[in-house]
PDB file of all heavy atoms in Angstrom:
ATOM      1  N   GLY A   1     -29.110 -14.439 -45.647  1.00  0.00           N
ATOM      2  CA  GLY A   1     -29.732 -14.037 -44.406  1.00  0.00           C
ATOM      3  C   GLY A   1     -31.243 -14.019 -44.571  1.00  0.00           C
ATOM      4  O   GLY A   1     -31.815 -14.758 -45.385  1.00  0.00           O
ATOM      5  N   SER A   2     -31.909 -13.176 -43.831  1.00  0.00           N
ATOM      6  CA  SER A   2     -33.366 -13.061 -43.962  1.00  0.00           C
ATOM      7  C   SER A   2     -33.693 -12.459 -45.325  1.00  0.00           C
ATOM      8  O   SER A   2     -33.185 -11.389 -45.663  1.00  0.00           O
ATOM      9  CB  SER A   2     -33.936 -12.179 -42.852  1.00  0.00           C
ATOM     10  OG  SER A   2     -33.683 -12.754 -41.590  1.00  0.00           O
ATOM     11  N   PRO A   3     -34.528 -13.107 -46.126  1.00  0.00           N
ATOM     12  CA  PRO A   3     -34.788 -12.617 -47.479  1.00  0.00           C
ATOM     13  C   PRO A   3     -35.535 -11.289 -47.474  1.00  0.00           C
ATOM     14  O   PRO A   3     -36.317 -10.992 -46.575  1.00  0.00           O
ATOM     15  CB  PRO A   3     -35.622 -13.730 -48.111  1.00  0.00           C
ATOM     16  CG  PRO A   3     -36.243 -14.450 -46.962  1.00  0.00           C
ATOM     17  CD  PRO A   3     -35.259 -14.356 -45.843  1.00  0.00           C
ATOM     18  N   ALA A   4     -35.285 -10.510 -48.520  1.00  0.00           N
ATOM     19  CA  ALA A   4     -35.953  -9.221 -48.685  1.00  0.00           C
ATOM     20  C   ALA A   4     -35.972  -8.886 -50.154  1.00  0.00           C
ATOM     21  O   ALA A   4     -35.129  -9.345 -50.932  1.00  0.00           O
ATOM     22  CB  ALA A   4     -35.235  -8.123 -47.896  1.00  0.00           C
ATOM     23  N   VAL A   5     -36.953  -8.097 -50.551  1.00  0.00           N
ATOM     24  CA  VAL A   5     -37.046  -7.645 -51.939  1.00  0.00           C
ATOM     25  C   VAL A   5     -37.509  -6.195 -51.923  1.00  0.00           C
ATOM     26  O   VAL A   5     -38.389  -5.818 -51.153  1.00  0.00           O
ATOM     27  CB  VAL A   5     -37.997  -8.552 -52.768  1.00  0.00           C
ATOM     28  CG1 VAL A   5     -39.387  -8.618 -52.157  1.00  0.00           C
ATOM     29  CG2 VAL A   5     -38.065  -8.107 -54.217  1.00  0.00           C
ATOM     30  N   ALA A   6     -36.879  -5.380 -52.746  1.00  0.00           N
ATOM     31  CA  ALA A   6     -37.179  -3.950 -52.755  1.00  0.00           C
ATOM     32  C   ALA A   6     -36.908  -3.398 -54.148  1.00  0.00           C
ATOM     33  O   ALA A   6     -36.338  -4.065 -55.006  1.00  0.00           O
ATOM     34  CB  ALA A   6     -36.327  -3.214 -51.721  1.00  0.00           C
ATOM     35  N   GLY A   7     -37.344  -2.164 -54.358  1.00  0.00           N
ATOM     36  CA  GLY A   7     -37.067  -1.492 -55.623  1.00  0.00           C
ATOM     37  C   GLY A   7     -38.313  -1.063 -56.365  1.00  0.00           C
ATOM     38  O   GLY A   7     -38.259  -0.179 -57.210  1.00  0.00           O
ATOM     39  N   ARG A   8     -39.435  -1.714 -56.054  1.00  0.00           N
ATOM     40  CA  ARG A   8     -40.722  -1.342 -56.646  1.00  0.00           C
ATOM     41  C   ARG A   8     -41.778  -1.298 -55.550  1.00  0.00           C
ATOM     42  O   ARG A   8     -41.722  -2.096 -54.598  1.00  0.00           O
ATOM     43  CB  ARG A   8     -41.143  -2.331 -57.740  1.00  0.00           C
ATOM     44  CG  ARG A   8     -40.327  -2.207 -59.022  1.00  0.00           C
ATOM     45  CD  ARG A   8     -40.798  -3.196 -60.073  1.00  0.00           C
ATOM     46  NE  ARG A   8     -40.003  -3.117 -61.279  1.00  0.00           N
ATOM     47  CZ  ARG A   8     -40.332  -2.419 -62.359  1.00  0.00           C
ATOM     48  NH1 ARG A   8     -41.463  -1.736 -62.371  1.00  0.00           N
ATOM     49  NH2 ARG A   8     -39.558  -2.412 -63.428  1.00  0.00           N
ATOM     50  N   PRO A   9     -42.734  -0.402 -55.669  1.00  0.00           N
ATOM     51  CA  PRO A   9     -43.791  -0.317 -54.659  1.00  0.00           C
ATOM     52  C   PRO A   9     -44.489  -1.662 -54.480  1.00  0.00           C
ATOM     53  O   PRO A   9     -44.909  -2.289 -55.459  1.00  0.00           O
ATOM     54  CB  PRO A   9     -44.742   0.742 -55.222  1.00  0.00           C
ATOM     55  CG  PRO A   9     -43.883   1.574 -56.121  1.00  0.00           C
ATOM     56  CD  PRO A   9     -42.891   0.631 -56.727  1.00  0.00           C
ATOM     57  N   GLY A  10     -44.586  -2.106 -53.257  1.00  0.00           N
ATOM     58  CA  GLY A  10     -45.275  -3.352 -52.963  1.00  0.00           C
ATOM     59  C   GLY A  10     -44.437  -4.595 -53.127  1.00  0.00           C
ATOM     60  O   GLY A  10     -44.925  -5.705 -52.867  1.00  0.00           O
ATOM     61  N   ALA A  11     -43.171  -4.452 -53.555  1.00  0.00           N
ATOM     62  CA  ALA A  11     -42.347  -5.630 -53.798  1.00  0.00           C
ATOM     63  C   ALA A  11     -42.175  -6.465 -52.533  1.00  0.00           C
ATOM     64  O   ALA A  11     -42.141  -7.703 -52.591  1.00  0.00           O
ATOM     65  CB  ALA A  11     -40.987  -5.211 -54.347  1.00  0.00           C
ATOM     66  N   GLU A  12     -42.063  -5.790 -51.379  1.00  0.00           N
ATOM     67  CA  GLU A  12     -41.855  -6.527 -50.132  1.00  0.00           C
ATOM     68  C   GLU A  12     -43.042  -7.425 -49.788  1.00  0.00           C
ATOM     69  O   GLU A  12     -42.906  -8.386 -49.024  1.00  0.00           O
ATOM     70  CB  GLU A  12     -41.577  -5.563 -48.977  1.00  0.00           C
ATOM     71  CG  GLU A  12     -42.735  -4.662 -48.592  1.00  0.00           C
ATOM     72  CD  GLU A  12     -42.885  -3.429 -49.488  1.00  0.00           C
ATOM     73  OE1 GLU A  12     -42.112  -3.290 -50.459  1.00  0.00           O
ATOM     74  OE2 GLU A  12     -43.779  -2.613 -49.192  1.00  0.00           O
ATOM     75  N   ASP A  13     -44.206  -7.138 -50.378  1.00  0.00           N
ATOM     76  CA  ASP A  13     -45.386  -7.959 -50.098  1.00  0.00           C
ATOM     77  C   ASP A  13     -45.259  -9.368 -50.672  1.00  0.00           C
ATOM     78  O   ASP A  13     -46.032 -10.264 -50.308  1.00  0.00           O
ATOM     79  CB  ASP A  13     -46.648  -7.297 -50.661  1.00  0.00           C
ATOM     80  CG  ASP A  13     -46.986  -6.000 -49.940  1.00  0.00           C
ATOM     81  OD1 ASP A  13     -46.488  -5.805 -48.816  1.00  0.00           O
ATOM     82  OD2 ASP A  13     -47.731  -5.176 -50.515  1.00  0.00           O
ATOM     83  N   LEU A  14     -44.300  -9.565 -51.581  1.00  0.00           N
ATOM     84  CA  LEU A  14     -44.101 -10.905 -52.131  1.00  0.00           C
ATOM     85  C   LEU A  14     -43.798 -11.924 -51.037  1.00  0.00           C
ATOM     86  O   LEU A  14     -44.121 -13.110 -51.178  1.00  0.00           O
ATOM     87  CB  LEU A  14     -42.953 -10.905 -53.139  1.00  0.00           C
ATOM     88  CG  LEU A  14     -43.280 -10.501 -54.573  1.00  0.00           C
ATOM     89  CD1 LEU A  14     -42.018 -10.460 -55.408  1.00  0.00           C
ATOM     90  CD2 LEU A  14     -44.290 -11.460 -55.192  1.00  0.00           C
ATOM     91  N   LEU A  15     -43.178 -11.474 -49.961  1.00  0.00           N
ATOM     92  CA  LEU A  15     -42.832 -12.404 -48.887  1.00  0.00           C
ATOM     93  C   LEU A  15     -44.071 -12.963 -48.191  1.00  0.00           C
ATOM     94  O   LEU A  15     -43.982 -13.976 -47.494  1.00  0.00           O
ATOM     95  CB  LEU A  15     -41.923 -11.712 -47.881  1.00  0.00           C
ATOM     96  CG  LEU A  15     -40.492 -11.491 -48.389  1.00  0.00           C
ATOM     97  CD1 LEU A  15     -39.767 -10.481 -47.514  1.00  0.00           C
ATOM     98  CD2 LEU A  15     -39.736 -12.805 -48.429  1.00  0.00           C
ATOM     99  N   SER A  16     -45.212 -12.327 -48.385  1.00  0.00           N
ATOM    100  CA  SER A  16     -46.454 -12.854 -47.821  1.00  0.00           C
ATOM    101  C   SER A  16     -47.036 -13.969 -48.688  1.00  0.00           C
ATOM    102  O   SER A  16     -48.026 -14.589 -48.308  1.00  0.00           O
ATOM    103  CB  SER A  16     -47.484 -11.735 -47.651  1.00  0.00           C
ATOM    104  OG  SER A  16     -47.905 -11.237 -48.911  1.00  0.00           O
ATOM    105  N   ARG A  17     -46.437 -14.189 -49.854  1.00  0.00           N
ATOM    106  CA  ARG A  17     -46.828 -15.301 -50.735  1.00  0.00           C
ATOM    107  C   ARG A  17     -45.612 -16.210 -50.893  1.00  0.00           C
ATOM    108  O   ARG A  17     -44.891 -16.157 -51.895  1.00  0.00           O
ATOM    109  CB  ARG A  17     -47.282 -14.773 -52.093  1.00  0.00           C
ATOM    110  CG  ARG A  17     -48.394 -13.719 -52.049  1.00  0.00           C
ATOM    111  CD  ARG A  17     -49.708 -14.312 -51.552  1.00  0.00           C
ATOM    112  NE  ARG A  17     -50.241 -15.319 -52.443  1.00  0.00           N
ATOM    113  CZ  ARG A  17     -51.052 -15.061 -53.466  1.00  0.00           C
ATOM    114  NH1 ARG A  17     -51.398 -13.801 -53.737  1.00  0.00           N
ATOM    115  NH2 ARG A  17     -51.530 -16.025 -54.218  1.00  0.00           N
ATOM    116  N   PRO A  18     -45.324 -17.040 -49.883  1.00  0.00           N
ATOM    117  CA  PRO A  18     -44.053 -17.770 -49.840  1.00  0.00           C
ATOM    118  C   PRO A  18     -43.738 -18.592 -51.082  1.00  0.00           C
ATOM    119  O   PRO A  18     -42.595 -18.600 -51.539  1.00  0.00           O
ATOM    120  CB  PRO A  18     -44.194 -18.664 -48.602  1.00  0.00           C
ATOM    121  CG  PRO A  18     -45.178 -17.947 -47.739  1.00  0.00           C
ATOM    122  CD  PRO A  18     -46.144 -17.301 -48.691  1.00  0.00           C
ATOM    123  N   LYS A  19     -44.746 -19.297 -51.640  1.00  0.00           N
ATOM    124  CA  LYS A  19     -44.415 -20.143 -52.791  1.00  0.00           C
ATOM    125  C   LYS A  19     -44.039 -19.301 -53.992  1.00  0.00           C
ATOM    126  O   LYS A  19     -43.103 -19.632 -54.732  1.00  0.00           O
ATOM    127  CB  LYS A  19     -45.561 -21.096 -53.125  1.00  0.00           C
ATOM    128  CG  LYS A  19     -45.208 -22.054 -54.265  1.00  0.00           C
ATOM    129  CD  LYS A  19     -46.189 -23.199 -54.396  1.00  0.00           C
ATOM    130  CE  LYS A  19     -45.962 -24.258 -53.354  1.00  0.00           C
ATOM    131  NZ  LYS A  19     -46.722 -25.506 -53.613  1.00  0.00           N
ATOM    132  N   ARG A  20     -44.710 -18.193 -54.192  1.00  0.00           N
ATOM    133  CA  ARG A  20     -44.373 -17.338 -55.327  1.00  0.00           C
ATOM    134  C   ARG A  20     -43.016 -16.666 -55.126  1.00  0.00           C
ATOM    135  O   ARG A  20     -42.244 -16.508 -56.078  1.00  0.00           O
ATOM    136  CB  ARG A  20     -45.494 -16.329 -55.571  1.00  0.00           C
ATOM    137  CG  ARG A  20     -46.744 -17.058 -56.072  1.00  0.00           C
ATOM    138  CD  ARG A  20     -47.912 -16.173 -56.366  1.00  0.00           C
ATOM    139  NE  ARG A  20     -49.033 -16.987 -56.863  1.00  0.00           N
ATOM    140  CZ  ARG A  20     -50.200 -16.517 -57.232  1.00  0.00           C
ATOM    141  NH1 ARG A  20     -50.450 -15.212 -57.172  1.00  0.00           N
ATOM    142  NH2 ARG A  20     -51.143 -17.331 -57.674  1.00  0.00           N
ATOM    143  N   PHE A  21     -42.718 -16.292 -53.896  1.00  0.00           N
ATOM    144  CA  PHE A  21     -41.382 -15.767 -53.630  1.00  0.00           C
ATOM    145  C   PHE A  21     -40.337 -16.853 -53.850  1.00  0.00           C
ATOM    146  O   PHE A  21     -39.251 -16.591 -54.375  1.00  0.00           O
ATOM    147  CB  PHE A  21     -41.280 -15.237 -52.198  1.00  0.00           C
ATOM    148  CG  PHE A  21     -39.947 -14.626 -51.897  1.00  0.00           C
ATOM    149  CD1 PHE A  21     -39.676 -13.316 -52.241  1.00  0.00           C
ATOM    150  CD2 PHE A  21     -38.944 -15.384 -51.295  1.00  0.00           C
ATOM    151  CE1 PHE A  21     -38.427 -12.753 -51.988  1.00  0.00           C
ATOM    152  CE2 PHE A  21     -37.697 -14.829 -51.045  1.00  0.00           C
ATOM    153  CZ  PHE A  21     -37.445 -13.511 -51.388  1.00  0.00           C
ATOM    154  N   ALA A  22     -40.662 -18.088 -53.475  1.00  0.00           N
ATOM    155  CA  ALA A  22     -39.732 -19.197 -53.683  1.00  0.00           C
ATOM    156  C   ALA A  22     -39.471 -19.426 -55.169  1.00  0.00           C
ATOM    157  O   ALA A  22     -38.335 -19.720 -55.566  1.00  0.00           O
ATOM    158  CB  ALA A  22     -40.277 -20.466 -53.040  1.00  0.00           C
ATOM    159  N   VAL A  23     -40.507 -19.315 -55.997  1.00  0.00           N
ATOM    160  CA  VAL A  23     -40.311 -19.439 -57.449  1.00  0.00           C
ATOM    161  C   VAL A  23     -39.324 -18.371 -57.931  1.00  0.00           C
ATOM    162  O   VAL A  23     -38.407 -18.652 -58.709  1.00  0.00           O
ATOM    163  CB  VAL A  23     -41.654 -19.325 -58.194  1.00  0.00           C
ATOM    164  CG1 VAL A  23     -41.433 -19.218 -59.701  1.00  0.00           C
ATOM    165  CG2 VAL A  23     -42.547 -20.523 -57.876  1.00  0.00           C
ATOM    166  N   LEU A  24     -39.510 -17.144 -57.465  1.00  0.00           N
ATOM    167  CA  LEU A  24     -38.608 -16.060 -57.846  1.00  0.00           C
ATOM    168  C   LEU A  24     -37.185 -16.349 -57.383  1.00  0.00           C
ATOM    169  O   LEU A  24     -36.218 -16.192 -58.162  1.00  0.00           O
ATOM    170  CB  LEU A  24     -39.100 -14.749 -57.227  1.00  0.00           C
ATOM    171  CG  LEU A  24     -38.201 -13.527 -57.430  1.00  0.00           C
ATOM    172  CD1 LEU A  24     -38.121 -13.153 -58.899  1.00  0.00           C
ATOM    173  CD2 LEU A  24     -38.717 -12.345 -56.595  1.00  0.00           C
ATOM    174  N   ALA A  25     -37.025 -16.771 -56.138  1.00  0.00           N
ATOM    175  CA  ALA A  25     -35.692 -17.055 -55.604  1.00  0.00           C
ATOM    176  C   ALA A  25     -35.023 -18.178 -56.380  1.00  0.00           C
ATOM    177  O   ALA A  25     -33.830 -18.106 -56.696  1.00  0.00           O
ATOM    178  CB  ALA A  25     -35.792 -17.416 -54.124  1.00  0.00           C
ATOM    179  N   TRP A  26     -35.778 -19.214 -56.699  1.00  0.00           N
ATOM    180  CA  TRP A  26     -35.206 -20.333 -57.447  1.00  0.00           C
ATOM    181  C   TRP A  26     -34.795 -19.895 -58.844  1.00  0.00           C
ATOM    182  O   TRP A  26     -33.683 -20.217 -59.291  1.00  0.00           O
ATOM    183  CB  TRP A  26     -36.222 -21.470 -57.527  1.00  0.00           C
ATOM    184  CG  TRP A  26     -35.741 -22.607 -58.370  1.00  0.00           C
ATOM    185  CD1 TRP A  26     -34.764 -23.507 -58.058  1.00  0.00           C
ATOM    186  CD2 TRP A  26     -36.205 -22.944 -59.684  1.00  0.00           C
ATOM    187  NE1 TRP A  26     -34.581 -24.399 -59.088  1.00  0.00           N
ATOM    188  CE2 TRP A  26     -35.450 -24.074 -60.088  1.00  0.00           C
ATOM    189  CE3 TRP A  26     -37.164 -22.430 -60.528  1.00  0.00           C
ATOM    190  CZ2 TRP A  26     -35.647 -24.679 -61.335  1.00  0.00           C
ATOM    191  CZ3 TRP A  26     -37.367 -23.032 -61.762  1.00  0.00           C
ATOM    192  CH2 TRP A  26     -36.613 -24.137 -62.161  1.00  0.00           C
ATOM    193  N   LEU A  27     -35.646 -19.161 -59.530  1.00  0.00           N
ATOM    194  CA  LEU A  27     -35.291 -18.691 -60.876  1.00  0.00           C
ATOM    195  C   LEU A  27     -34.048 -17.805 -60.839  1.00  0.00           C
ATOM    196  O   LEU A  27     -33.229 -17.827 -61.762  1.00  0.00           O
ATOM    197  CB  LEU A  27     -36.460 -17.914 -61.483  1.00  0.00           C
ATOM    198  CG  LEU A  27     -37.661 -18.729 -61.942  1.00  0.00           C
ATOM    199  CD1 LEU A  27     -38.794 -17.810 -62.374  1.00  0.00           C
ATOM    200  CD2 LEU A  27     -37.279 -19.665 -63.096  1.00  0.00           C
ATOM    201  N   ALA A  28     -33.889 -17.041 -59.773  1.00  0.00           N
ATOM    202  CA  ALA A  28     -32.757 -16.127 -59.673  1.00  0.00           C
ATOM    203  C   ALA A  28     -31.456 -16.840 -59.331  1.00  0.00           C
ATOM    204  O   ALA A  28     -30.374 -16.315 -59.617  1.00  0.00           O
ATOM    205  CB  ALA A  28     -33.053 -15.060 -58.620  1.00  0.00           C
ATOM    206  N   CYS A  29     -31.541 -18.034 -58.715  1.00  0.00           N
ATOM    207  CA  CYS A  29     -30.335 -18.690 -58.200  1.00  0.00           C
ATOM    208  C   CYS A  29     -30.000 -20.029 -58.849  1.00  0.00           C
ATOM    209  O   CYS A  29     -28.886 -20.526 -58.676  1.00  0.00           O
ATOM    210  CB  CYS A  29     -30.476 -18.949 -56.704  1.00  0.00           C
ATOM    211  SG  CYS A  29     -30.531 -17.471 -55.703  1.00  0.00           S
ATOM    212  N   ALA A  30     -30.957 -20.628 -59.549  1.00  0.00           N
ATOM    213  CA  ALA A  30     -30.744 -21.977 -60.067  1.00  0.00           C
ATOM    214  C   ALA A  30     -29.515 -22.028 -60.967  1.00  0.00           C
ATOM    215  O   ALA A  30     -29.211 -21.080 -61.688  1.00  0.00           O
ATOM    216  CB  ALA A  30     -31.981 -22.450 -60.817  1.00  0.00           C
ATOM    217  N   GLN A  31     -28.825 -23.153 -60.884  1.00  0.00           N
ATOM    218  CA  GLN A  31     -27.646 -23.390 -61.710  1.00  0.00           C
ATOM    219  C   GLN A  31     -27.937 -24.493 -62.718  1.00  0.00           C
ATOM    220  O   GLN A  31     -28.581 -25.478 -62.377  1.00  0.00           O
ATOM    221  CB  GLN A  31     -26.464 -23.786 -60.830  1.00  0.00           C
ATOM    222  CG  GLN A  31     -26.024 -22.698 -59.869  1.00  0.00           C
ATOM    223  CD  GLN A  31     -25.222 -21.614 -60.547  1.00  0.00           C
ATOM    224  OE1 GLN A  31     -24.117 -21.854 -61.004  1.00  0.00           O
ATOM    225  NE2 GLN A  31     -25.794 -20.428 -60.631  1.00  0.00           N
ATOM    226  N   PRO A  32     -27.447 -24.396 -63.953  1.00  0.00           N
ATOM    227  CA  PRO A  32     -26.759 -23.227 -64.497  1.00  0.00           C
ATOM    228  C   PRO A  32     -27.720 -22.050 -64.610  1.00  0.00           C
ATOM    229  O   PRO A  32     -28.930 -22.226 -64.708  1.00  0.00           O
ATOM    230  CB  PRO A  32     -26.287 -23.696 -65.877  1.00  0.00           C
ATOM    231  CG  PRO A  32     -27.231 -24.784 -66.244  1.00  0.00           C
ATOM    232  CD  PRO A  32     -27.611 -25.462 -64.967  1.00  0.00           C
ATOM    233  N   THR A  33     -27.165 -20.846 -64.589  1.00  0.00           N
ATOM    234  CA  THR A  33     -27.991 -19.650 -64.630  1.00  0.00           C
ATOM    235  C   THR A  33     -28.673 -19.508 -65.976  1.00  0.00           C
ATOM    236  O   THR A  33     -28.305 -20.145 -66.960  1.00  0.00           O
ATOM    237  CB  THR A  33     -27.133 -18.401 -64.361  1.00  0.00           C
ATOM    238  OG1 THR A  33     -26.079 -18.344 -65.350  1.00  0.00           O
ATOM    239  CG2 THR A  33     -26.528 -18.441 -62.981  1.00  0.00           C
ATOM    240  N   GLY A  34     -29.657 -18.647 -66.019  1.00  0.00           N
ATOM    241  CA  GLY A  34     -30.370 -18.413 -67.276  1.00  0.00           C
ATOM    242  C   GLY A  34     -31.714 -19.102 -67.288  1.00  0.00           C
ATOM    243  O   GLY A  34     -32.348 -19.297 -66.239  1.00  0.00           O
ATOM    244  N   PHE A  35     -32.152 -19.464 -68.469  1.00  0.00           N
ATOM    245  CA  PHE A  35     -33.484 -20.038 -68.621  1.00  0.00           C
ATOM    246  C   PHE A  35     -33.574 -21.414 -67.982  1.00  0.00           C
ATOM    247  O   PHE A  35     -32.655 -22.231 -68.085  1.00  0.00           O
ATOM    248  CB  PHE A  35     -33.852 -20.115 -70.104  1.00  0.00           C
ATOM    249  CG  PHE A  35     -34.221 -18.786 -70.693  1.00  0.00           C
ATOM    250  CD1 PHE A  35     -33.269 -17.999 -71.309  1.00  0.00           C
ATOM    251  CD2 PHE A  35     -35.523 -18.323 -70.603  1.00  0.00           C
ATOM    252  CE1 PHE A  35     -33.603 -16.757 -71.844  1.00  0.00           C
ATOM    253  CE2 PHE A  35     -35.870 -17.083 -71.128  1.00  0.00           C
ATOM    254  CZ  PHE A  35     -34.908 -16.299 -71.748  1.00  0.00           C
ATOM    255  N   GLN A  36     -34.718 -21.640 -67.316  1.00  0.00           N
ATOM    256  CA  GLN A  36     -35.015 -22.919 -66.674  1.00  0.00           C
ATOM    257  C   GLN A  36     -36.250 -23.523 -67.327  1.00  0.00           C
ATOM    258  O   GLN A  36     -37.182 -22.810 -67.700  1.00  0.00           O
ATOM    259  CB  GLN A  36     -35.274 -22.725 -65.174  1.00  0.00           C
ATOM    260  CG  GLN A  36     -34.176 -21.974 -64.437  1.00  0.00           C
ATOM    261  CD  GLN A  36     -32.846 -22.689 -64.467  1.00  0.00           C
ATOM    262  OE1 GLN A  36     -32.806 -23.921 -64.440  1.00  0.00           O
ATOM    263  NE2 GLN A  36     -31.760 -21.931 -64.518  1.00  0.00           N
ATOM    264  N   ARG A  37     -36.268 -24.826 -67.432  1.00  0.00           N
ATOM    265  CA  ARG A  37     -37.411 -25.487 -68.052  1.00  0.00           C
ATOM    266  C   ARG A  37     -38.620 -25.433 -67.116  1.00  0.00           C
ATOM    267  O   ARG A  37     -38.495 -25.637 -65.903  1.00  0.00           O
ATOM    268  CB  ARG A  37     -37.088 -26.934 -68.402  1.00  0.00           C
ATOM    269  CG  ARG A  37     -36.079 -27.069 -69.542  1.00  0.00           C
ATOM    270  CD  ARG A  37     -36.004 -28.489 -70.052  1.00  0.00           C
ATOM    271  NE  ARG A  37     -37.289 -28.972 -70.538  1.00  0.00           N
ATOM    272  CZ  ARG A  37     -37.796 -28.689 -71.749  1.00  0.00           C
ATOM    273  NH1 ARG A  37     -37.121 -27.910 -72.584  1.00  0.00           N
ATOM    274  NH2 ARG A  37     -38.961 -29.188 -72.106  1.00  0.00           N
ATOM    275  N   ARG A  38     -39.774 -25.168 -67.703  1.00  0.00           N
ATOM    276  CA  ARG A  38     -41.002 -25.143 -66.911  1.00  0.00           C
ATOM    277  C   ARG A  38     -41.261 -26.493 -66.250  1.00  0.00           C
ATOM    278  O   ARG A  38     -41.781 -26.545 -65.135  1.00  0.00           O
ATOM    279  CB  ARG A  38     -42.191 -24.749 -67.792  1.00  0.00           C
ATOM    280  CG  ARG A  38     -42.192 -23.276 -68.208  1.00  0.00           C
ATOM    281  CD  ARG A  38     -43.341 -22.982 -69.153  1.00  0.00           C
ATOM    282  NE  ARG A  38     -43.307 -21.609 -69.640  1.00  0.00           N
ATOM    283  CZ  ARG A  38     -44.086 -20.632 -69.204  1.00  0.00           C
ATOM    284  NH1 ARG A  38     -44.987 -20.881 -68.255  1.00  0.00           N
ATOM    285  NH2 ARG A  38     -43.996 -19.417 -69.702  1.00  0.00           N
ATOM    286  N   ASP A  39     -40.914 -27.579 -66.938  1.00  0.00           N
ATOM    287  CA  ASP A  39     -41.134 -28.900 -66.358  1.00  0.00           C
ATOM    288  C   ASP A  39     -40.382 -29.054 -65.043  1.00  0.00           C
ATOM    289  O   ASP A  39     -40.873 -29.681 -64.102  1.00  0.00           O
ATOM    290  CB  ASP A  39     -40.680 -29.990 -67.329  1.00  0.00           C
ATOM    291  CG  ASP A  39     -41.602 -30.133 -68.522  1.00  0.00           C
ATOM    292  OD1 ASP A  39     -42.720 -29.572 -68.480  1.00  0.00           O
ATOM    293  OD2 ASP A  39     -41.219 -30.797 -69.501  1.00  0.00           O
ATOM    294  N   ARG A  40     -39.174 -28.489 -64.986  1.00  0.00           N
ATOM    295  CA  ARG A  40     -38.394 -28.567 -63.752  1.00  0.00           C
ATOM    296  C   ARG A  40     -39.067 -27.766 -62.649  1.00  0.00           C
ATOM    297  O   ARG A  40     -39.112 -28.199 -61.488  1.00  0.00           O
ATOM    298  CB  ARG A  40     -36.978 -28.041 -64.009  1.00  0.00           C
ATOM    299  CG  ARG A  40     -36.031 -28.227 -62.835  1.00  0.00           C
ATOM    300  CD  ARG A  40     -34.650 -27.670 -63.144  1.00  0.00           C
ATOM    301  NE  ARG A  40     -33.778 -27.725 -61.976  1.00  0.00           N
ATOM    302  CZ  ARG A  40     -32.682 -27.008 -61.824  1.00  0.00           C
ATOM    303  NH1 ARG A  40     -32.300 -26.165 -62.782  1.00  0.00           N
ATOM    304  NH2 ARG A  40     -31.953 -27.107 -60.739  1.00  0.00           N
ATOM    305  N   ALA A  41     -39.615 -26.617 -63.008  1.00  0.00           N
ATOM    306  CA  ALA A  41     -40.285 -25.779 -62.014  1.00  0.00           C
ATOM    307  C   ALA A  41     -41.528 -26.450 -61.457  1.00  0.00           C
ATOM    308  O   ALA A  41     -41.738 -26.484 -60.237  1.00  0.00           O
ATOM    309  CB  ALA A  41     -40.639 -24.426 -62.623  1.00  0.00           C
ATOM    310  N   ILE A  42     -42.348 -26.996 -62.338  1.00  0.00           N
ATOM    311  CA  ILE A  42     -43.594 -27.585 -61.831  1.00  0.00           C
ATOM    312  C   ILE A  42     -43.308 -28.869 -61.064  1.00  0.00           C
ATOM    313  O   ILE A  42     -44.019 -29.199 -60.108  1.00  0.00           O
ATOM    314  CB  ILE A  42     -44.620 -27.812 -62.964  1.00  0.00           C
ATOM    315  CG1 ILE A  42     -44.132 -28.826 -63.983  1.00  0.00           C
ATOM    316  CG2 ILE A  42     -44.981 -26.499 -63.624  1.00  0.00           C
ATOM    317  CD1 ILE A  42     -45.165 -29.132 -65.067  1.00  0.00           C
ATOM    318  N   GLY A  43     -42.258 -29.603 -61.440  1.00  0.00           N
ATOM    319  CA  GLY A  43     -41.885 -30.789 -60.681  1.00  0.00           C
ATOM    320  C   GLY A  43     -41.394 -30.440 -59.288  1.00  0.00           C
ATOM    321  O   GLY A  43     -41.544 -31.220 -58.346  1.00  0.00           O
TER     322      GLY A  43
END
């Protein structure tokens, strides 16, 4: 649904930085889970 982030003061402000929030969302959801190569992220 509509994305949201909470749990730490100011966490919701991440949504005002869409690309950085997108990096977080991708790292949290990418398959296979776990560590992702930086080359894949920058590409």
